[in-house]
Amino acid sequence: MAKKTKKTKENISNLPSKDGNYNLFNTKEEIVYTGQGNIKDRISAHSKNPNIPFTSYTFNLESSAKKREQIEEQRIKRYKPPLNKQKK
């Protein structure tokens, strides 16, 4: 897997419109949400939602829907992001 570089919310317009997994971080560098889908669409939508406060994010591209689901489930179990309540 490629190294993940943390990006700030100002970089959202430059995101790829490809499928993958992502993590959203708060100011304390804690993962507050992890998800999957079209990277640009999902992170852009979260940036407009006041109920999902985040200051930075990481992502990795993954074309396989099955693999994206597995990665998301693993991250939820490992990091227990507070905003991923529906899949706990």
C-alpha atoms as a PDB file:
ATOM      1  CA  MET A   1       0.000   0.000   0.000  1.00  0.00           C
ATOM      2  CA  ALA A   2       1.262   3.479  -0.805  1.00  0.00           C
ATOM      3  CA  LYS A   3       2.285   5.827   1.971  1.00  0.00           C
ATOM      4  CA  LYS A   4      -0.579   8.008   3.122  1.00  0.00           C
ATOM      5  CA  THR A   5       0.038  11.725   3.440  1.00  0.00           C
ATOM      6  CA  LYS A   6      -2.292  13.728   5.610  1.00  0.00           C
ATOM      7  CA  LYS A   7      -4.058  16.506   3.724  1.00  0.00           C
ATOM      8  CA  THR A   8      -5.984  19.485   5.029  1.00  0.00           C
ATOM      9  CA  LYS A   9      -9.516  20.382   4.014  1.00  0.00           C
ATOM     10  CA  GLU A  10      -8.194  23.039   1.623  1.00  0.00           C
ATOM     11  CA  ASN A  11      -6.935  20.280  -0.715  1.00  0.00           C
ATOM     12  CA  ILE A  12     -10.337  18.666  -1.357  1.00  0.00           C
ATOM     13  CA  SER A  13     -10.745  20.108  -4.863  1.00  0.00           C
ATOM     14  CA  ASN A  14      -7.592  18.267  -5.955  1.00  0.00           C
ATOM     15  CA  LEU A  15      -8.792  14.812  -4.842  1.00  0.00           C
ATOM     16  CA  PRO A  16      -9.103  11.997  -7.381  1.00  0.00           C
ATOM     17  CA  SER A  17     -12.589  10.968  -8.480  1.00  0.00           C
ATOM     18  CA  LYS A  18     -11.749   7.314  -7.899  1.00  0.00           C
ATOM     19  CA  ASP A  19     -12.873   4.714  -5.385  1.00  0.00           C
ATOM     20  CA  GLY A  20     -10.960   3.985  -2.221  1.00  0.00           C
ATOM     21  CA  ASN A  21     -10.889   4.257   1.570  1.00  0.00           C
ATOM     22  CA  TYR A  22     -10.350   7.347   3.676  1.00  0.00           C
ATOM     23  CA  ASN A  23      -9.896   8.481   7.269  1.00  0.00           C
ATOM     24  CA  LEU A  24     -10.996  11.831   8.690  1.00  0.00           C
ATOM     25  CA  PHE A  25      -8.989  13.283  11.607  1.00  0.00           C
ATOM     26  CA  ASN A  26      -9.755  15.882  14.282  1.00  0.00           C
ATOM     27  CA  THR A  27      -7.341  18.499  15.629  1.00  0.00           C
ATOM     28  CA  LYS A  28      -5.896  15.911  18.048  1.00  0.00           C
ATOM     29  CA  GLU A  29      -4.927  13.691  15.075  1.00  0.00           C
ATOM     30  CA  GLU A  30      -7.552  11.086  16.102  1.00  0.00           C
ATOM     31  CA  ILE A  31      -9.636   9.302  13.463  1.00  0.00           C
ATOM     32  CA  VAL A  32     -13.207  10.535  13.835  1.00  0.00           C
ATOM     33  CA  TYR A  33     -14.584   8.746  10.768  1.00  0.00           C
ATOM     34  CA  THR A  34     -13.446   6.130   8.278  1.00  0.00           C
ATOM     35  CA  GLY A  35     -15.234   5.362   5.063  1.00  0.00           C
ATOM     36  CA  GLN A  36     -15.103   4.172   1.493  1.00  0.00           C
ATOM     37  CA  GLY A  37     -16.407   5.164  -1.920  1.00  0.00           C
ATOM     38  CA  ASN A  38     -15.549   7.846  -4.447  1.00  0.00           C
ATOM     39  CA  ILE A  39     -12.811   9.745  -2.615  1.00  0.00           C
ATOM     40  CA  LYS A  40     -13.584  13.223  -3.973  1.00  0.00           C
ATOM     41  CA  ASP A  41     -17.367  12.892  -3.607  1.00  0.00           C
ATOM     42  CA  ARG A  42     -17.319  11.419  -0.096  1.00  0.00           C
ATOM     43  CA  ILE A  43     -14.720  13.712   1.477  1.00  0.00           C
ATOM     44  CA  SER A  44     -16.296  16.747  -0.196  1.00  0.00           C
ATOM     45  CA  ALA A  45     -19.731  15.770   1.183  1.00  0.00           C
ATOM     46  CA  HIS A  46     -18.309  15.256   4.685  1.00  0.00           C
ATOM     47  CA  SER A  47     -16.636  18.678   4.555  1.00  0.00           C
ATOM     48  CA  LYS A  48     -20.080  20.269   4.145  1.00  0.00           C
ATOM     49  CA  ASN A  49     -21.611  18.330   7.053  1.00  0.00           C
ATOM     50  CA  PRO A  50     -21.252  20.188  10.380  1.00  0.00           C
ATOM     51  CA  ASN A  51     -21.867  16.917  12.262  1.00  0.00           C
ATOM     52  CA  ILE A  52     -18.564  15.528  10.971  1.00  0.00           C
ATOM     53  CA  PRO A  53     -15.902  17.965  12.178  1.00  0.00           C
ATOM     54  CA  PHE A  54     -12.488  17.141  10.753  1.00  0.00           C
ATOM     55  CA  THR A  55      -9.327  19.059   9.981  1.00  0.00           C
ATOM     56  CA  SER A  56      -7.389  16.584   7.834  1.00  0.00           C
ATOM     57  CA  TYR A  57      -7.726  13.302   6.002  1.00  0.00           C
ATOM     58  CA  THR A  58      -5.833  10.435   4.397  1.00  0.00           C
ATOM     59  CA  PHE A  59      -6.952   8.140   1.609  1.00  0.00           C
ATOM     60  CA  ASN A  60      -5.866   5.195  -0.476  1.00  0.00           C
ATOM     61  CA  LEU A  61      -7.268   4.102  -3.824  1.00  0.00           C
ATOM     62  CA  GLU A  62      -8.842   0.652  -4.091  1.00  0.00           C
ATOM     63  CA  SER A  63     -10.927  -0.466  -7.058  1.00  0.00           C
ATOM     64  CA  SER A  64     -12.327  -3.645  -5.480  1.00  0.00           C
ATOM     65  CA  ALA A  65     -15.583  -3.029  -3.600  1.00  0.00           C
ATOM     66  CA  LYS A  66     -15.043  -6.160  -1.517  1.00  0.00           C
ATOM     67  CA  LYS A  67     -11.545  -5.045  -0.485  1.00  0.00           C
ATOM     68  CA  ARG A  68     -12.805  -1.508   0.365  1.00  0.00           C
ATOM     69  CA  GLU A  69     -15.470  -3.018   2.632  1.00  0.00           C
ATOM     70  CA  GLN A  70     -12.875  -5.226   4.359  1.00  0.00           C
ATOM     71  CA  ILE A  71     -10.520  -2.276   4.909  1.00  0.00           C
ATOM     72  CA  GLU A  72     -13.340  -0.148   6.314  1.00  0.00           C
ATOM     73  CA  GLU A  73     -14.442  -2.893   8.729  1.00  0.00           C
ATOM     74  CA  GLN A  74     -10.850  -3.445   9.895  1.00  0.00           C
ATOM     75  CA  ARG A  75     -10.358   0.270  10.540  1.00  0.00           C
ATOM     76  CA  ILE A  76     -13.620   0.571  12.459  1.00  0.00           C
ATOM     77  CA  LYS A  77     -12.648  -2.349  14.696  1.00  0.00           C
ATOM     78  CA  ARG A  78      -9.109  -1.069  15.204  1.00  0.00           C
ATOM     79  CA  TYR A  79      -9.667   2.685  15.669  1.00  0.00           C
ATOM     80  CA  LYS A  80     -13.312   2.794  16.856  1.00  0.00           C
ATOM     81  CA  PRO A  81     -14.061   6.156  15.196  1.00  0.00           C
ATOM     82  CA  PRO A  82     -16.846   7.895  17.146  1.00  0.00           C
ATOM     83  CA  LEU A  83     -18.814   8.846  14.008  1.00  0.00           C
ATOM     84  CA  ASN A  84     -18.972   5.294  12.576  1.00  0.00           C
ATOM     85  CA  LYS A  85     -21.834   4.238  14.841  1.00  0.00           C
ATOM     86  CA  GLN A  86     -23.855   2.385  12.211  1.00  0.00           C
ATOM     87  CA  LYS A  87     -21.237  -0.341  11.662  1.00  0.00           C
ATOM     88  CA  LYS A  88     -19.983  -0.977  15.216  1.00  0.00           C
END
